[in-house]
Amino acid sequence: MSGGRRKEEPQQQTSHSQQHPVANGGGGVLRGSLWGKALRSDSAWEDKDEFLDVIYWFRQIIAVILGVIWGIVPLKGFIGIAIFCLINAGVLYLYFSSFQQIDEEEYGGTWELTKEGFMTSFALFLVVWIIFYTAIHYD
């Protein structure tokens, strides 16, 4: 009987993986194809909220990565915060202006896109930075 199950499972997984939604923090459903569109240059964004979700989650990913790096490299103080802010804002600005080549005015201007999700990513960055720094360098 287990042989019959093994034959059925790959078929179910194949059809399930094509339709598998990824849950986002807002309680809605974020499809895997959204991330495919986010990683392709010059994608068409029919829904503005989808693009803003991508900006938001890219910021969170950047925050975790930089928080880990800043914690491992014993970076302290205002210099670490300033460099984070520059990298976070700069990378996302390059992403939406050069890589995706969207019209910023459709989303309320460059400033609106630059600040989308910034404070939550800043808070996440600080938490990750403090945890890693304390775990590695605190006596």
Protein backbone atom coordinates (compact mmCIF):
# COMPACT_ATOMS: atom_id res chain seq x y z
CA MET A 1 0.00 0.00 0.00
CA SER A 2 2.79 2.41 0.73
CA GLY A 3 3.93 2.00 -2.88
CA GLY A 4 0.55 3.32 -4.06
CA ARG A 5 0.87 6.31 -1.78
CA ARG A 6 4.31 7.12 -3.07
CA LYS A 7 3.02 7.24 -6.63
CA GLU A 8 0.16 9.55 -5.66
CA GLU A 9 2.20 11.96 -3.52
CA PRO A 10 4.41 13.37 -6.30
CA GLN A 11 1.32 14.09 -8.42
CA GLN A 12 -0.36 15.84 -5.51
CA GLN A 13 2.80 17.77 -4.64
CA THR A 14 3.24 18.92 -8.21
CA SER A 15 -0.27 20.30 -8.49
CA HIS A 16 -0.13 21.65 -4.93
CA SER A 17 3.22 23.40 -5.42
CA GLN A 18 1.91 25.24 -8.46
CA GLN A 19 -1.04 26.63 -6.50
CA HIS A 20 0.69 26.93 -3.11
CA PRO A 21 0.08 30.36 -1.59
CA VAL A 22 2.49 31.90 0.88
CA ALA A 23 0.79 33.68 3.76
CA ASN A 24 1.87 37.25 4.41
CA GLY A 25 1.71 39.23 7.62
CA GLY A 26 -1.50 40.99 6.65
CA GLY A 27 -3.56 37.82 6.80
CA GLY A 28 -4.01 37.76 3.04
CA VAL A 29 -2.47 35.46 0.49
CA LEU A 30 0.70 36.25 -1.37
CA ARG A 31 1.34 34.01 -4.37
CA GLY A 32 4.77 32.62 -5.20
CA SER A 33 4.50 34.19 -8.64
CA LEU A 34 4.56 37.60 -6.95
CA TRP A 35 8.15 36.99 -5.89
CA GLY A 36 8.96 35.84 -9.42
CA LYS A 37 7.59 39.11 -10.71
CA ALA A 38 9.53 41.00 -8.03
CA LEU A 39 12.81 39.45 -9.14
CA ARG A 40 12.25 40.11 -12.86
CA SER A 41 13.29 43.45 -14.23
CA ASP A 42 10.66 45.87 -15.51
CA SER A 43 7.62 43.85 -14.39
CA ALA A 44 4.09 45.18 -14.86
CA TRP A 45 2.35 45.88 -11.53
CA GLU A 46 -1.40 46.05 -12.00
CA ASP A 47 -2.08 46.11 -8.25
CA LYS A 48 -0.23 48.86 -6.39
CA ASP A 49 -0.57 47.04 -3.08
CA GLU A 50 1.37 44.05 -4.44
CA PHE A 51 4.34 46.24 -5.28
CA LEU A 52 4.17 47.98 -1.90
CA ASP A 53 4.14 44.54 -0.22
CA VAL A 54 7.27 43.59 -2.14
CA ILE A 55 8.98 46.82 -1.03
CA TYR A 56 7.92 46.15 2.58
CA TRP A 57 9.22 42.58 2.66
CA PHE A 58 12.48 43.43 0.87
CA ARG A 59 13.09 45.97 3.62
CA GLN A 60 12.53 43.31 6.28
CA ILE A 61 14.98 40.95 4.56
CA ILE A 62 17.58 43.72 4.33
CA ALA A 63 17.03 44.54 8.02
CA VAL A 64 17.67 40.96 9.15
CA ILE A 65 20.76 40.56 6.95
CA LEU A 66 22.31 43.86 8.02
CA GLY A 67 21.39 43.25 11.68
CA VAL A 68 23.24 39.94 11.64
CA ILE A 69 26.27 41.48 9.89
CA TRP A 70 26.36 44.48 12.26
CA GLY A 71 26.12 42.11 15.25
CA ILE A 72 28.91 39.83 14.06
CA VAL A 73 31.16 42.73 13.09
CA PRO A 74 31.25 44.65 16.35
CA LEU A 75 29.75 47.80 14.87
CA LYS A 76 28.43 50.30 17.44
CA GLY A 77 26.53 53.51 17.75
CA PHE A 78 25.37 56.15 15.33
CA ILE A 79 27.69 54.97 12.54
CA GLY A 80 25.90 51.59 12.40
CA ILE A 81 22.47 53.23 12.37
CA ALA A 82 23.46 55.76 9.71
CA ILE A 83 24.99 53.12 7.44
CA PHE A 84 21.86 50.95 7.82
CA CYS A 85 19.61 53.86 6.86
CA LEU A 86 21.72 54.68 3.80
CA ILE A 87 21.93 51.08 2.60
CA ASN A 88 18.24 50.38 3.26
CA ALA A 89 16.98 53.50 1.50
CA GLY A 90 19.59 53.31 -1.28
CA VAL A 91 19.05 49.67 -2.20
CA LEU A 92 15.27 50.06 -2.32
CA TYR A 93 15.52 53.30 -4.30
CA LEU A 94 17.74 51.58 -6.87
CA TYR A 95 15.34 48.63 -6.93
CA PHE A 96 12.20 50.59 -7.76
CA SER A 97 13.77 53.31 -9.90
CA SER A 98 16.36 51.39 -11.91
CA PHE A 99 15.49 47.69 -11.70
CA GLN A 100 11.68 47.84 -11.81
CA GLN A 101 11.57 51.21 -13.63
CA ILE A 102 8.20 52.14 -12.20
CA ASP A 103 6.61 55.56 -12.32
CA GLU A 104 7.07 56.83 -8.75
CA GLU A 105 4.21 59.32 -9.14
CA GLU A 106 1.70 56.47 -9.40
CA TYR A 107 2.65 55.53 -5.83
CA GLY A 108 2.69 59.03 -4.35
CA GLY A 109 6.22 60.02 -5.27
CA THR A 110 9.73 58.85 -4.51
CA TRP A 111 9.49 59.73 -0.83
CA GLU A 112 6.41 57.54 -0.30
CA LEU A 113 8.16 54.52 -1.80
CA THR A 114 11.38 55.26 0.08
CA LYS A 115 9.64 55.35 3.45
CA GLU A 116 7.29 52.37 2.83
CA GLY A 117 7.95 49.94 5.70
CA PHE A 118 11.08 51.77 6.83
CA MET A 119 10.26 52.09 10.54
CA THR A 120 9.32 48.43 10.96
CA SER A 121 12.51 47.38 9.19
CA PHE A 122 14.48 49.77 11.41
CA ALA A 123 12.97 48.22 14.54
CA LEU A 124 13.67 44.70 13.25
CA PHE A 125 17.24 45.71 12.40
CA LEU A 126 17.82 47.05 15.92
CA VAL A 127 16.45 43.90 17.56
CA VAL A 128 18.56 41.56 15.40
CA TRP A 129 21.67 43.75 15.78
CA ILE A 130 21.34 43.89 19.57
CA ILE A 131 20.69 40.16 19.91
CA PHE A 132 23.66 39.13 17.76
CA TYR A 133 26.01 41.73 19.23
CA THR A 134 25.10 40.77 22.79
CA ALA A 135 25.34 37.04 22.12
CA ILE A 136 28.76 37.26 20.49
CA HIS A 137 30.59 40.20 22.08
CA TYR A 138 29.11 40.72 25.54
CA ASP A 139 31.16 39.25 28.42
